[in-house]
Amino acid sequence: MSARRANKKLVEMAKVIRSKNSGPFKLTLDIIFDSADEYRSIKASGQVTRELIAGLYGIETALIAEIIFFDPASAIKVVLPRPVVSGGPGDTDVYGAQQHAPLLALSFEIEEE
């Protein structure tokens, strides 16, 4: 049987989509996939880019510090600046735990059997 291309929502593929502080000035976005095969498909496709994340968060591409593909956990980690310093004036999310919401709307084209 040959593989076919399918559009699949990130929330259907990931068992964890979260954000948290990475110090007072940066956020970490974590995506941990249910399936190693889906993770590998997303990684190989090159769809998770600085441009994608920058567009979701309304920041310049150069501000994305890192995108890390962590094969042992079938996970992607993204590090980006916090919009407001943690605990600073105007901060509404001191732990950075509510900043993953833009990821929830993502869909990716993947290979399916």
Protein backbone atom coordinates (compact mmCIF):
# COMPACT_ATOMS: atom_id res chain seq x y z
CA MET A 1 0.00 0.00 0.00
CA SER A 2 1.38 3.41 -0.87
CA ALA A 3 1.50 6.43 1.42
CA ARG A 4 -0.78 9.39 0.82
CA ARG A 5 -0.51 13.02 1.86
CA ALA A 6 -2.97 14.17 4.50
CA ASN A 7 -3.56 17.41 6.36
CA LYS A 8 -3.62 16.69 10.08
CA LYS A 9 -4.15 19.00 13.06
CA LEU A 10 -1.32 19.29 15.54
CA VAL A 11 -3.75 18.73 18.43
CA GLU A 12 -4.56 15.30 16.91
CA MET A 13 -0.89 14.30 16.73
CA ALA A 14 0.56 15.69 19.97
CA LYS A 15 -0.01 14.35 23.44
CA VAL A 16 1.50 17.52 24.93
CA ILE A 17 1.45 21.09 23.65
CA ARG A 18 2.65 23.50 26.32
CA SER A 19 4.58 26.63 27.09
CA LYS A 20 6.66 27.64 30.08
CA ASN A 21 9.27 30.15 31.08
CA SER A 22 12.86 29.58 30.14
CA GLY A 23 14.09 32.22 32.55
CA PRO A 24 12.43 35.63 32.94
CA PHE A 25 13.09 36.76 29.36
CA LYS A 26 12.34 33.67 27.25
CA LEU A 27 9.55 31.17 26.63
CA THR A 28 9.85 27.54 25.70
CA LEU A 29 7.17 25.90 23.56
CA ASP A 30 7.07 22.10 23.79
CA ILE A 31 5.31 19.75 21.38
CA ILE A 32 5.49 16.07 22.28
CA PHE A 33 4.01 13.72 19.70
CA ASP A 34 1.93 10.60 20.35
CA SER A 35 3.57 8.78 17.46
CA ALA A 36 7.26 8.64 16.60
CA ASP A 37 6.24 8.16 12.96
CA GLU A 38 4.22 11.39 12.89
CA TYR A 39 7.05 13.23 14.65
CA ARG A 40 9.57 11.97 12.10
CA SER A 41 7.23 12.95 9.26
CA ILE A 42 6.88 16.50 10.59
CA LYS A 43 10.62 16.78 11.21
CA ALA A 44 11.51 15.48 7.74
CA SER A 45 8.98 17.76 6.04
CA GLY A 46 10.69 20.94 7.21
CA GLN A 47 7.33 22.52 8.03
CA VAL A 48 8.31 23.69 11.53
CA THR A 49 10.38 26.76 10.75
CA ARG A 50 11.40 30.04 12.31
CA GLU A 51 9.09 31.73 9.80
CA LEU A 52 6.11 29.64 10.93
CA ILE A 53 6.67 30.35 14.64
CA ALA A 54 7.48 34.03 14.08
CA GLY A 55 4.26 34.42 12.10
CA LEU A 56 2.19 32.76 14.82
CA TYR A 57 3.66 34.96 17.53
CA GLY A 58 3.91 38.19 15.55
CA ILE A 59 7.65 38.56 16.02
CA GLU A 60 10.66 38.81 13.74
CA THR A 61 12.18 35.56 12.55
CA ALA A 62 15.57 36.49 14.00
CA LEU A 63 14.06 36.52 17.51
CA ILE A 64 13.41 32.76 17.47
CA ALA A 65 16.37 31.60 19.55
CA GLU A 66 16.15 27.88 18.76
CA ILE A 67 14.04 25.14 17.26
CA ILE A 68 15.20 21.81 18.65
CA PHE A 69 14.05 18.42 17.37
CA PHE A 70 14.57 15.92 20.19
CA ASP A 71 14.30 12.46 18.66
CA PRO A 72 14.38 10.35 21.87
CA ALA A 73 11.16 12.00 23.07
CA SER A 74 9.56 12.61 19.63
CA ALA A 75 9.44 16.26 20.64
CA ILE A 76 10.02 19.74 19.30
CA LYS A 77 11.18 22.58 21.54
CA VAL A 78 11.08 26.21 20.45
CA VAL A 79 12.70 29.04 22.40
CA LEU A 80 11.52 32.60 21.83
CA PRO A 81 11.47 35.88 23.75
CA ARG A 82 8.70 36.62 26.21
CA PRO A 83 6.56 39.58 25.12
CA VAL A 84 6.89 41.00 28.66
CA VAL A 85 9.50 40.08 31.26
CA SER A 86 8.11 37.50 33.69
CA GLY A 87 6.56 39.34 36.64
CA GLY A 88 7.16 42.73 35.05
CA PRO A 89 4.56 45.46 34.66
CA GLY A 90 1.86 44.32 32.27
CA ASP A 91 2.72 40.61 32.56
CA THR A 92 -0.49 38.55 32.58
CA ASP A 93 1.18 35.12 32.59
CA VAL A 94 4.04 35.07 35.09
CA TYR A 95 4.82 31.37 34.43
CA GLY A 96 4.49 31.54 30.65
CA ALA A 97 2.05 28.63 30.87
CA GLN A 98 -0.62 30.10 28.59
CA GLN A 99 1.49 31.09 25.62
CA HIS A 100 1.10 27.88 23.59
CA ALA A 101 -2.39 28.77 22.33
CA PRO A 102 -1.28 29.84 18.81
CA LEU A 103 0.11 26.32 18.28
CA LEU A 104 -3.31 24.77 18.82
CA ALA A 105 -4.57 25.97 15.43
CA LEU A 106 -1.69 24.45 13.43
CA SER A 107 -2.16 21.74 10.80
CA PHE A 108 0.55 19.94 8.90
CA GLU A 109 0.68 17.93 5.73
CA ILE A 110 2.02 14.46 6.55
CA GLU A 111 2.50 11.09 4.88
CA GLU A 112 -0.02 8.48 5.99
CA GLU A 113 -0.13 4.78 5.17
